[in-house]
Amino acid sequence: MTPQEKAQQLYRDAYMRWCYELSHDKNVSIAKNICEYICNEVLGDMGADRGYEFWTSVRDLLSKMTHKELMNQE
């Protein structure tokens, strides 16, 4: 699984499970915040392990990609 695929998976899961606000923008923000929290927790437990670069890439992609890009299920 690539960092982009993982970012998309985390975002879709967070968006579909926990985002029930009427505002689309607010839901996008909530989903991204949940994903960022998950990435930071994994990175905090991992330290300088070999997966550190992968999870850093996932976190960076989540902040850069749009809702439409993240929901793409190619």
C-alpha atoms as a PDB file:
ATOM      1  CA  MET A   1       0.000   0.000   0.000  1.00  0.00           C
ATOM      2  CA  THR A   2       1.337   3.402  -0.960  1.00  0.00           C
ATOM      3  CA  PRO A   3       1.174   6.460   1.301  1.00  0.00           C
ATOM      4  CA  GLN A   4      -1.496   7.947  -1.010  1.00  0.00           C
ATOM      5  CA  GLU A   5      -3.647   4.817  -0.799  1.00  0.00           C
ATOM      6  CA  LYS A   6      -3.321   4.821   3.001  1.00  0.00           C
ATOM      7  CA  ALA A   7      -4.226   8.518   3.180  1.00  0.00           C
ATOM      8  CA  GLN A   8      -7.313   7.882   1.045  1.00  0.00           C
ATOM      9  CA  GLN A   9      -8.319   4.869   3.133  1.00  0.00           C
ATOM     10  CA  LEU A  10      -7.965   6.730   6.446  1.00  0.00           C
ATOM     11  CA  TYR A  11      -9.835   9.768   5.143  1.00  0.00           C
ATOM     12  CA  ARG A  12     -12.727   7.757   3.670  1.00  0.00           C
ATOM     13  CA  ASP A  13     -13.090   5.771   6.886  1.00  0.00           C
ATOM     14  CA  ALA A  14     -13.038   8.890   9.073  1.00  0.00           C
ATOM     15  CA  TYR A  15     -15.404  10.802   6.792  1.00  0.00           C
ATOM     16  CA  MET A  16     -17.938   7.979   6.524  1.00  0.00           C
ATOM     17  CA  ARG A  17     -17.857   7.036  10.237  1.00  0.00           C
ATOM     18  CA  TRP A  18     -17.637  10.308  12.151  1.00  0.00           C
ATOM     19  CA  CYS A  19     -18.665  13.257   9.966  1.00  0.00           C
ATOM     20  CA  TYR A  20     -22.345  14.086  10.367  1.00  0.00           C
ATOM     21  CA  GLU A  21     -22.346  17.887  10.363  1.00  0.00           C
ATOM     22  CA  LEU A  22     -24.547  19.780   7.904  1.00  0.00           C
ATOM     23  CA  SER A  23     -21.546  21.718   6.611  1.00  0.00           C
ATOM     24  CA  HIS A  24     -19.436  19.870   4.045  1.00  0.00           C
ATOM     25  CA  ASP A  25     -16.414  22.055   4.875  1.00  0.00           C
ATOM     26  CA  LYS A  26     -16.740  21.222   8.554  1.00  0.00           C
ATOM     27  CA  ASN A  27     -16.933  17.499   7.773  1.00  0.00           C
ATOM     28  CA  VAL A  28     -13.787  17.711   5.633  1.00  0.00           C
ATOM     29  CA  SER A  29     -11.988  19.503   8.464  1.00  0.00           C
ATOM     30  CA  ILE A  30     -13.153  16.928  11.042  1.00  0.00           C
ATOM     31  CA  ALA A  31     -12.058  13.991   8.871  1.00  0.00           C
ATOM     32  CA  LYS A  32      -8.647  15.529   8.199  1.00  0.00           C
ATOM     33  CA  ASN A  33      -8.143  16.298  11.896  1.00  0.00           C
ATOM     34  CA  ILE A  34      -8.986  12.698  12.827  1.00  0.00           C
ATOM     35  CA  CYS A  35      -6.517  11.401  10.242  1.00  0.00           C
ATOM     36  CA  GLU A  36      -3.794  13.777  11.388  1.00  0.00           C
ATOM     37  CA  TYR A  37      -4.331  12.626  14.967  1.00  0.00           C
ATOM     38  CA  ILE A  38      -4.024   8.970  13.925  1.00  0.00           C
ATOM     39  CA  CYS A  39      -0.814   9.644  11.994  1.00  0.00           C
ATOM     40  CA  ASN A  40       0.695  11.580  14.892  1.00  0.00           C
ATOM     41  CA  GLU A  41      -0.165   8.781  17.327  1.00  0.00           C
ATOM     42  CA  VAL A  42       1.468   6.176  15.092  1.00  0.00           C
ATOM     43  CA  LEU A  43       4.516   8.395  14.589  1.00  0.00           C
ATOM     44  CA  GLY A  44       4.771   9.041  18.322  1.00  0.00           C
ATOM     45  CA  ASP A  45       4.844   5.330  19.086  1.00  0.00           C
ATOM     46  CA  MET A  46       7.186   4.540  16.213  1.00  0.00           C
ATOM     47  CA  GLY A  47      10.037   6.986  16.675  1.00  0.00           C
ATOM     48  CA  ALA A  48      12.731   6.575  14.011  1.00  0.00           C
ATOM     49  CA  ASP A  49      11.494   3.163  12.881  1.00  0.00           C
ATOM     50  CA  ARG A  50      11.498   2.287   9.178  1.00  0.00           C
ATOM     51  CA  GLY A  51       7.780   3.150   8.874  1.00  0.00           C
ATOM     52  CA  TYR A  52       8.388   6.728   9.976  1.00  0.00           C
ATOM     53  CA  GLU A  53       8.855   8.006   6.403  1.00  0.00           C
ATOM     54  CA  PHE A  54       5.669   6.225   5.250  1.00  0.00           C
ATOM     55  CA  TRP A  55       3.493   7.758   7.975  1.00  0.00           C
ATOM     56  CA  THR A  56       5.054  11.191   7.518  1.00  0.00           C
ATOM     57  CA  SER A  57       4.173  10.954   3.818  1.00  0.00           C
ATOM     58  CA  VAL A  58       0.605   9.899   4.668  1.00  0.00           C
ATOM     59  CA  ARG A  59       0.202  12.883   7.010  1.00  0.00           C
ATOM     60  CA  ASP A  60       1.629  15.299   4.421  1.00  0.00           C
ATOM     61  CA  LEU A  61      -0.635  13.962   1.670  1.00  0.00           C
ATOM     62  CA  LEU A  62      -3.696  14.325   3.895  1.00  0.00           C
ATOM     63  CA  SER A  63      -2.969  18.006   4.409  1.00  0.00           C
ATOM     64  CA  LYS A  64      -2.345  18.664   0.689  1.00  0.00           C
ATOM     65  CA  MET A  65      -5.072  16.628  -1.005  1.00  0.00           C
ATOM     66  CA  THR A  66      -8.639  17.810  -1.534  1.00  0.00           C
ATOM     67  CA  HIS A  67     -11.783  15.986  -0.438  1.00  0.00           C
ATOM     68  CA  LYS A  68     -12.395  14.814  -3.994  1.00  0.00           C
ATOM     69  CA  GLU A  69      -8.859  13.438  -4.337  1.00  0.00           C
ATOM     70  CA  LEU A  70      -9.089  11.667  -0.999  1.00  0.00           C
ATOM     71  CA  MET A  71     -12.457  10.106  -1.735  1.00  0.00           C
ATOM     72  CA  ASN A  72     -11.278   8.765  -5.115  1.00  0.00           C
ATOM     73  CA  GLN A  73     -11.487   4.991  -5.013  1.00  0.00           C
ATOM     74  CA  GLU A  74      -9.620   4.133  -8.232  1.00  0.00           C
END
